[in-house]
PDB file of N, CA and C in Angstrom:
ATOM      1  N   MET A   1     -40.212  13.352 124.016  1.00  0.00           N
ATOM      2  CA  MET A   1     -41.024  12.567 123.448  1.00  0.00           C
ATOM      3  C   MET A   1     -41.488  11.176 123.923  1.00  0.00           C
ATOM      4  N   SER A   2     -42.442  11.203 124.410  1.00  0.00           N
ATOM      5  CA  SER A   2     -43.145   9.440 125.151  1.00  0.00           C
ATOM      6  C   SER A   2     -44.202   9.109 124.721  1.00  0.00           C
ATOM      7  N   ILE A   3     -44.608   8.085 125.049  1.00  0.00           N
ATOM      8  CA  ILE A   3     -45.857   7.246 124.618  1.00  0.00           C
ATOM      9  C   ILE A   3     -46.229   6.363 126.012  1.00  0.00           C
ATOM     10  N   ASN A   4     -47.271   6.733 126.669  1.00  0.00           N
ATOM     11  CA  ASN A   4     -47.356   5.128 127.332  1.00  0.00           C
ATOM     12  C   ASN A   4     -47.674   3.987 127.003  1.00  0.00           C
ATOM     13  N   LEU A   5     -46.429   3.210 127.731  1.00  0.00           N
ATOM     14  CA  LEU A   5     -47.181   1.809 126.828  1.00  0.00           C
ATOM     15  C   LEU A   5     -48.033   1.099 127.204  1.00  0.00           C
ATOM     16  N   THR A   6     -48.617   0.643 126.114  1.00  0.00           N
ATOM     17  CA  THR A   6     -49.788  -0.284 126.259  1.00  0.00           C
ATOM     18  C   THR A   6     -49.642  -1.931 127.251  1.00  0.00           C
ATOM     19  N   GLU A   7     -50.529  -2.493 127.421  1.00  0.00           N
ATOM     20  CA  GLU A   7     -50.476  -3.926 127.732  1.00  0.00           C
ATOM     21  C   GLU A   7     -49.360  -4.625 126.641  1.00  0.00           C
ATOM     22  N   GLN A   8     -50.085  -4.874 125.291  1.00  0.00           N
ATOM     23  CA  GLN A   8     -49.269  -5.290 124.454  1.00  0.00           C
ATOM     24  C   GLN A   8     -47.892  -4.961 124.145  1.00  0.00           C
ATOM     25  N   ASP A   9     -47.791  -3.308 124.433  1.00  0.00           N
ATOM     26  CA  ASP A   9     -46.364  -3.181 124.443  1.00  0.00           C
ATOM     27  C   ASP A   9     -45.408  -3.803 125.518  1.00  0.00           C
ATOM     28  N   LYS A  10     -45.859  -4.216 126.386  1.00  0.00           N
ATOM     29  CA  LYS A  10     -45.648  -4.238 127.792  1.00  0.00           C
ATOM     30  C   LYS A  10     -45.050  -6.208 127.690  1.00  0.00           C
ATOM     31  N   ARG A  11     -46.046  -6.620 127.091  1.00  0.00           N
ATOM     32  CA  ARG A  11     -45.914  -7.817 126.708  1.00  0.00           C
ATOM     33  C   ARG A  11     -44.880  -8.286 125.965  1.00  0.00           C
ATOM     34  N   ARG A  12     -45.176  -7.170 124.626  1.00  0.00           N
ATOM     35  CA  ARG A  12     -43.948  -7.482 123.741  1.00  0.00           C
ATOM     36  C   ARG A  12     -42.204  -7.163 123.823  1.00  0.00           C
ATOM     37  N   ALA A  13     -42.406  -6.246 124.822  1.00  0.00           N
ATOM     38  CA  ALA A  13     -40.973  -5.868 125.564  1.00  0.00           C
ATOM     39  C   ALA A  13     -40.414  -7.094 125.804  1.00  0.00           C
ATOM     40  N   LYS A  14     -41.481  -7.850 126.935  1.00  0.00           N
ATOM     41  CA  LYS A  14     -40.866  -8.902 127.611  1.00  0.00           C
ATOM     42  C   LYS A  14     -40.717 -10.012 126.742  1.00  0.00           C
ATOM     43  N   GLU A  15     -41.507 -10.219 125.693  1.00  0.00           N
ATOM     44  CA  GLU A  15     -40.927 -11.119 124.622  1.00  0.00           C
ATOM     45  C   GLU A  15     -39.619 -11.049 123.724  1.00  0.00           C
ATOM     46  N   VAL A  16     -39.155  -9.423 123.304  1.00  0.00           N
ATOM     47  CA  VAL A  16     -38.018  -9.296 123.061  1.00  0.00           C
ATOM     48  C   VAL A  16     -36.873  -9.272 124.206  1.00  0.00           C
ATOM     49  N   ALA A  17     -36.922  -9.079 125.386  1.00  0.00           N
ATOM     50  CA  ALA A  17     -35.993  -9.512 126.185  1.00  0.00           C
ATOM     51  C   ALA A  17     -35.643 -10.478 126.253  1.00  0.00           C
ATOM     52  N   ALA A  18     -36.128 -11.983 126.002  1.00  0.00           N
ATOM     53  CA  ALA A  18     -35.980 -13.000 125.672  1.00  0.00           C
ATOM     54  C   ALA A  18     -35.221 -13.567 124.270  1.00  0.00           C
ATOM     55  N   TYR A  19     -35.090 -12.643 123.740  1.00  0.00           N
ATOM     56  CA  TYR A  19     -34.704 -13.294 122.191  1.00  0.00           C
ATOM     57  C   TYR A  19     -33.133 -13.051 122.667  1.00  0.00           C
ATOM     58  N   PRO A  20     -32.184 -14.306 121.806  1.00  0.00           N
ATOM     59  CA  PRO A  20     -30.236 -14.496 122.090  1.00  0.00           C
ATOM     60  C   PRO A  20     -29.885 -12.913 121.766  1.00  0.00           C
ATOM     61  N   TRP A  21     -30.504 -12.357 120.455  1.00  0.00           N
ATOM     62  CA  TRP A  21     -30.043 -11.215 120.157  1.00  0.00           C
ATOM     63  C   TRP A  21     -29.746 -10.030 120.673  1.00  0.00           C
ATOM     64  N   PHE A  22     -31.123 -10.040 121.664  1.00  0.00           N
ATOM     65  CA  PHE A  22     -31.285  -8.676 122.758  1.00  0.00           C
ATOM     66  C   PHE A  22     -30.705  -8.923 124.091  1.00  0.00           C
ATOM     67  N   ALA A  23     -30.168 -10.004 124.529  1.00  0.00           N
ATOM     68  CA  ALA A  23     -29.247 -10.418 125.494  1.00  0.00           C
ATOM     69  C   ALA A  23     -27.970  -9.980 126.170  1.00  0.00           C
ATOM     70  N   SER A  24     -27.291  -8.790 125.292  1.00  0.00           N
ATOM     71  CA  SER A  24     -26.409  -8.086 125.681  1.00  0.00           C
ATOM     72  C   SER A  24     -27.257  -7.147 126.584  1.00  0.00           C
ATOM     73  N   LYS A  25     -25.981  -6.461 127.881  1.00  0.00           N
ATOM     74  CA  LYS A  25     -26.500  -5.637 129.410  1.00  0.00           C
ATOM     75  C   LYS A  25     -26.829  -4.669 128.920  1.00  0.00           C
ATOM     76  N   PRO A  26     -26.718  -3.760 127.573  1.00  0.00           N
ATOM     77  CA  PRO A  26     -27.434  -2.541 127.435  1.00  0.00           C
ATOM     78  C   PRO A  26     -28.435  -2.651 126.665  1.00  0.00           C
ATOM     79  N   TRP A  27     -29.024  -3.741 126.025  1.00  0.00           N
ATOM     80  CA  TRP A  27     -30.199  -3.923 125.431  1.00  0.00           C
ATOM     81  C   TRP A  27     -31.264  -4.289 126.590  1.00  0.00           C
ATOM     82  N   GLN A  28     -30.641  -5.075 127.936  1.00  0.00           N
ATOM     83  CA  GLN A  28     -31.050  -5.523 128.617  1.00  0.00           C
ATOM     84  C   GLN A  28     -31.533  -4.538 129.647  1.00  0.00           C
ATOM     85  N   ARG A  29     -30.814  -3.710 129.943  1.00  0.00           N
ATOM     86  CA  ARG A  29     -30.963  -2.044 130.726  1.00  0.00           C
ATOM     87  C   ARG A  29     -32.264  -1.416 129.645  1.00  0.00           C
ATOM     88  N   GLU A  30     -31.903  -1.407 128.805  1.00  0.00           N
ATOM     89  CA  GLU A  30     -32.947  -0.176 128.105  1.00  0.00           C
ATOM     90  C   GLU A  30     -34.609  -1.149 127.994  1.00  0.00           C
ATOM     91  N   ILE A  31     -34.331  -2.241 127.895  1.00  0.00           N
ATOM     92  CA  ILE A  31     -35.848  -3.002 127.691  1.00  0.00           C
ATOM     93  C   ILE A  31     -36.516  -2.586 129.412  1.00  0.00           C
ATOM     94  N   ARG A  32     -35.533  -3.080 130.746  1.00  0.00           N
ATOM     95  CA  ARG A  32     -35.754  -2.849 131.774  1.00  0.00           C
ATOM     96  C   ARG A  32     -36.111  -1.293 132.198  1.00  0.00           C
ATOM     97  N   GLN A  33     -35.720  -0.293 131.828  1.00  0.00           N
ATOM     98  CA  GLN A  33     -35.735   1.270 131.551  1.00  0.00           C
ATOM     99  C   GLN A  33     -37.278   1.124 131.583  1.00  0.00           C
ATOM    100  N   MET A  34     -37.570   0.903 130.130  1.00  0.00           N
ATOM    101  CA  MET A  34     -38.651   1.030 129.469  1.00  0.00           C
ATOM    102  C   MET A  34     -39.925   1.061 130.616  1.00  0.00           C
ATOM    103  N   LEU A  35     -39.639  -0.546 130.883  1.00  0.00           N
ATOM    104  CA  LEU A  35     -41.147  -1.172 131.452  1.00  0.00           C
ATOM    105  C   LEU A  35     -41.009  -0.721 132.825  1.00  0.00           C
ATOM    106  N   LYS A  36     -40.416  -0.316 133.370  1.00  0.00           N
ATOM    107  CA  LYS A  36     -40.266   0.176 134.946  1.00  0.00           C
ATOM    108  C   LYS A  36     -40.646   1.929 134.608  1.00  0.00           C
ATOM    109  N   LEU A  37     -39.981   2.671 133.708  1.00  0.00           N
ATOM    110  CA  LEU A  37     -40.652   3.752 133.527  1.00  0.00           C
ATOM    111  C   LEU A  37     -42.349   4.013 132.887  1.00  0.00           C
ATOM    112  N   GLY A  38     -42.784   2.879 132.173  1.00  0.00           N
ATOM    113  CA  GLY A  38     -43.769   2.463 131.457  1.00  0.00           C
ATOM    114  C   GLY A  38     -44.362   3.096 130.231  1.00  0.00           C
ATOM    115  N   VAL A  39     -43.259   3.925 129.621  1.00  0.00           N
ATOM    116  CA  VAL A  39     -43.267   4.694 128.258  1.00  0.00           C
ATOM    117  C   VAL A  39     -42.215   4.372 127.028  1.00  0.00           C
ATOM    118  N   LYS A  40     -42.535   4.693 126.150  1.00  0.00           N
ATOM    119  CA  LYS A  40     -41.443   4.576 124.980  1.00  0.00           C
ATOM    120  C   LYS A  40     -41.152   5.523 124.046  1.00  0.00           C
ATOM    121  N   LEU A  41     -40.281   5.466 123.749  1.00  0.00           N
ATOM    122  CA  LEU A  41     -39.880   6.924 122.797  1.00  0.00           C
ATOM    123  C   LEU A  41     -39.621   6.152 121.536  1.00  0.00           C
ATOM    124  N   GLU A  42     -40.487   7.095 120.350  1.00  0.00           N
ATOM    125  CA  GLU A  42     -40.419   6.819 118.854  1.00  0.00           C
ATOM    126  C   GLU A  42     -39.930   8.011 118.314  1.00  0.00           C
ATOM    127  N   LEU A  43     -39.206   7.488 117.143  1.00  0.00           N
ATOM    128  CA  LEU A  43     -39.010   8.578 116.525  1.00  0.00           C
ATOM    129  C   LEU A  43     -39.835   9.219 115.426  1.00  0.00           C
ATOM    130  N   GLU A  44     -41.265   8.094 115.416  1.00  0.00           N
ATOM    131  CA  GLU A  44     -42.224   8.951 114.849  1.00  0.00           C
ATOM    132  C   GLU A  44     -42.866  10.683 115.757  1.00  0.00           C
ATOM    133  N   ALA A  45     -42.513  10.219 117.080  1.00  0.00           N
ATOM    134  CA  ALA A  45     -42.619  11.329 117.499  1.00  0.00           C
ATOM    135  C   ALA A  45     -42.086  12.072 117.716  1.00  0.00           C
ATOM    136  N   LEU A  46     -40.921  12.411 117.288  1.00  0.00           N
ATOM    137  CA  LEU A  46     -40.112  13.699 116.565  1.00  0.00           C
ATOM    138  C   LEU A  46     -40.549  14.622 115.216  1.00  0.00           C
ATOM    139  N   SER A  47     -41.388  13.645 114.547  1.00  0.00           N
ATOM    140  CA  SER A  47     -41.734  14.226 113.376  1.00  0.00           C
ATOM    141  C   SER A  47     -42.418  15.265 113.461  1.00  0.00           C
ATOM    142  N   ASN A  48     -43.289  15.366 114.601  1.00  0.00           N
ATOM    143  CA  ASN A  48     -44.137  16.907 115.010  1.00  0.00           C
ATOM    144  C   ASN A  48     -43.649  18.172 114.742  1.00  0.00           C
ATOM    145  N   LYS A  49     -41.743  18.062 115.330  1.00  0.00           N
ATOM    146  CA  LYS A  49     -41.181  18.759 115.254  1.00  0.00           C
ATOM    147  C   LYS A  49     -41.208  19.733 113.562  1.00  0.00           C
ATOM    148  N   ASP A  50     -40.642  18.502 112.564  1.00  0.00           N
ATOM    149  CA  ASP A  50     -40.397  18.427 111.444  1.00  0.00           C
ATOM    150  C   ASP A  50     -39.688  17.293 110.984  1.00  0.00           C
ATOM    151  N   PHE A  51     -39.903  16.821 109.649  1.00  0.00           N
ATOM    152  CA  PHE A  51     -39.306  15.731 109.299  1.00  0.00           C
ATOM    153  C   PHE A  51     -37.729  15.887 109.279  1.00  0.00           C
ATOM    154  N   SER A  52     -37.492  16.993 108.481  1.00  0.00           N
ATOM    155  CA  SER A  52     -36.235  17.521 108.754  1.00  0.00           C
ATOM    156  C   SER A  52     -35.044  17.471 109.853  1.00  0.00           C
ATOM    157  N   PHE A  53     -35.983  17.819 111.032  1.00  0.00           N
ATOM    158  CA  PHE A  53     -35.391  17.662 112.209  1.00  0.00           C
ATOM    159  C   PHE A  53     -34.574  16.111 112.357  1.00  0.00           C
ATOM    160  N   ILE A  54     -35.596  15.161 112.034  1.00  0.00           N
ATOM    161  CA  ILE A  54     -35.137  13.493 112.343  1.00  0.00           C
ATOM    162  C   ILE A  54     -34.033  13.228 111.066  1.00  0.00           C
ATOM    163  N   THR A  55     -33.917  13.579 110.161  1.00  0.00           N
ATOM    164  CA  THR A  55     -32.765  13.659 108.647  1.00  0.00           C
ATOM    165  C   THR A  55     -31.661  14.306 109.071  1.00  0.00           C
ATOM    166  N   GLU A  56     -32.147  15.335 109.328  1.00  0.00           N
ATOM    167  CA  GLU A  56     -30.516  16.304 108.984  1.00  0.00           C
ATOM    168  C   GLU A  56     -29.964  16.901 110.114  1.00  0.00           C
ATOM    169  N   GLN A  57     -30.846  16.726 111.457  1.00  0.00           N
ATOM    170  CA  GLN A  57     -30.000  16.961 113.072  1.00  0.00           C
ATOM    171  C   GLN A  57     -29.652  15.840 113.813  1.00  0.00           C
ATOM    172  N   TYR A  58     -31.072  15.067 114.427  1.00  0.00           N
ATOM    173  CA  TYR A  58     -31.131  14.144 115.402  1.00  0.00           C
ATOM    174  C   TYR A  58     -30.268  12.789 114.995  1.00  0.00           C
ATOM    175  N   LEU A  59     -30.625  12.038 113.328  1.00  0.00           N
ATOM    176  CA  LEU A  59     -29.978  11.038 113.460  1.00  0.00           C
ATOM    177  C   LEU A  59     -28.444  11.237 112.896  1.00  0.00           C
ATOM    178  N   PRO A  60     -28.356  12.142 112.134  1.00  0.00           N
ATOM    179  CA  PRO A  60     -26.625  12.500 111.809  1.00  0.00           C
ATOM    180  C   PRO A  60     -25.824  12.859 113.348  1.00  0.00           C
ATOM    181  N   GLN A  61     -26.371  13.014 114.675  1.00  0.00           N
ATOM    182  CA  GLN A  61     -25.390  13.457 115.392  1.00  0.00           C
ATOM    183  C   GLN A  61     -25.477  12.472 116.450  1.00  0.00           C
ATOM    184  N   LYS A  62     -26.430  11.567 116.020  1.00  0.00           N
ATOM    185  CA  LYS A  62     -26.439  10.380 116.922  1.00  0.00           C
ATOM    186  C   LYS A  62     -25.395   9.446 116.143  1.00  0.00           C
ATOM    187  N   LEU A  63     -25.387   9.079 115.009  1.00  0.00           N
ATOM    188  CA  LEU A  63     -24.530   8.454 114.490  1.00  0.00           C
ATOM    189  C   LEU A  63     -23.064   8.998 114.322  1.00  0.00           C
ATOM    190  N   LYS A  64     -22.910  10.290 114.288  1.00  0.00           N
ATOM    191  CA  LYS A  64     -21.211  10.968 114.837  1.00  0.00           C
ATOM    192  C   LYS A  64     -21.116  10.949 116.461  1.00  0.00           C
ATOM    193  N   ASP A  65     -22.065  10.752 117.560  1.00  0.00           N
ATOM    194  CA  ASP A  65     -21.393  10.432 118.388  1.00  0.00           C
ATOM    195  C   ASP A  65     -21.632   8.914 118.878  1.00  0.00           C
ATOM    196  N   LYS A  66     -21.986   7.986 118.021  1.00  0.00           N
ATOM    197  CA  LYS A  66     -21.735   7.050 118.026  1.00  0.00           C
ATOM    198  C   LYS A  66     -22.879   6.363 119.236  1.00  0.00           C
ATOM    199  N   GLN A  67     -23.698   7.236 118.998  1.00  0.00           N
ATOM    200  CA  GLN A  67     -25.232   6.414 120.324  1.00  0.00           C
ATOM    201  C   GLN A  67     -25.571   5.509 119.542  1.00  0.00           C
ATOM    202  N   TRP A  68     -25.836   4.462 119.853  1.00  0.00           N
ATOM    203  CA  TRP A  68     -26.585   3.099 119.728  1.00  0.00           C
ATOM    204  C   TRP A  68     -26.120   2.229 120.287  1.00  0.00           C
ATOM    205  N   LEU A  69     -26.878   1.395 120.139  1.00  0.00           N
ATOM    206  CA  LEU A  69     -27.016  -0.503 121.281  1.00  0.00           C
ATOM    207  C   LEU A  69     -26.201  -1.012 120.134  1.00  0.00           C
ATOM    208  N   ASP A  70     -25.266  -1.907 120.525  1.00  0.00           N
ATOM    209  CA  ASP A  70     -24.757  -3.189 120.061  1.00  0.00           C
ATOM    210  C   ASP A  70     -25.599  -4.332 120.023  1.00  0.00           C
TER     211      ASP A  70
END
């Protein structure tokens, strides 16, 4: 579920990458990857399946697997 980056998205990603709280390697890697691919992934894009998919399956699984960036 990807959305093409706009020029504004690209500028914003570069700004965010400069923030100290996004200085960790995992965050920097994700931001670089997003810019390289030219797309963003948004949870809202998953809502076309059914909102309950996000709340009952997607997020619980992410939390269970501890799949987040510090």
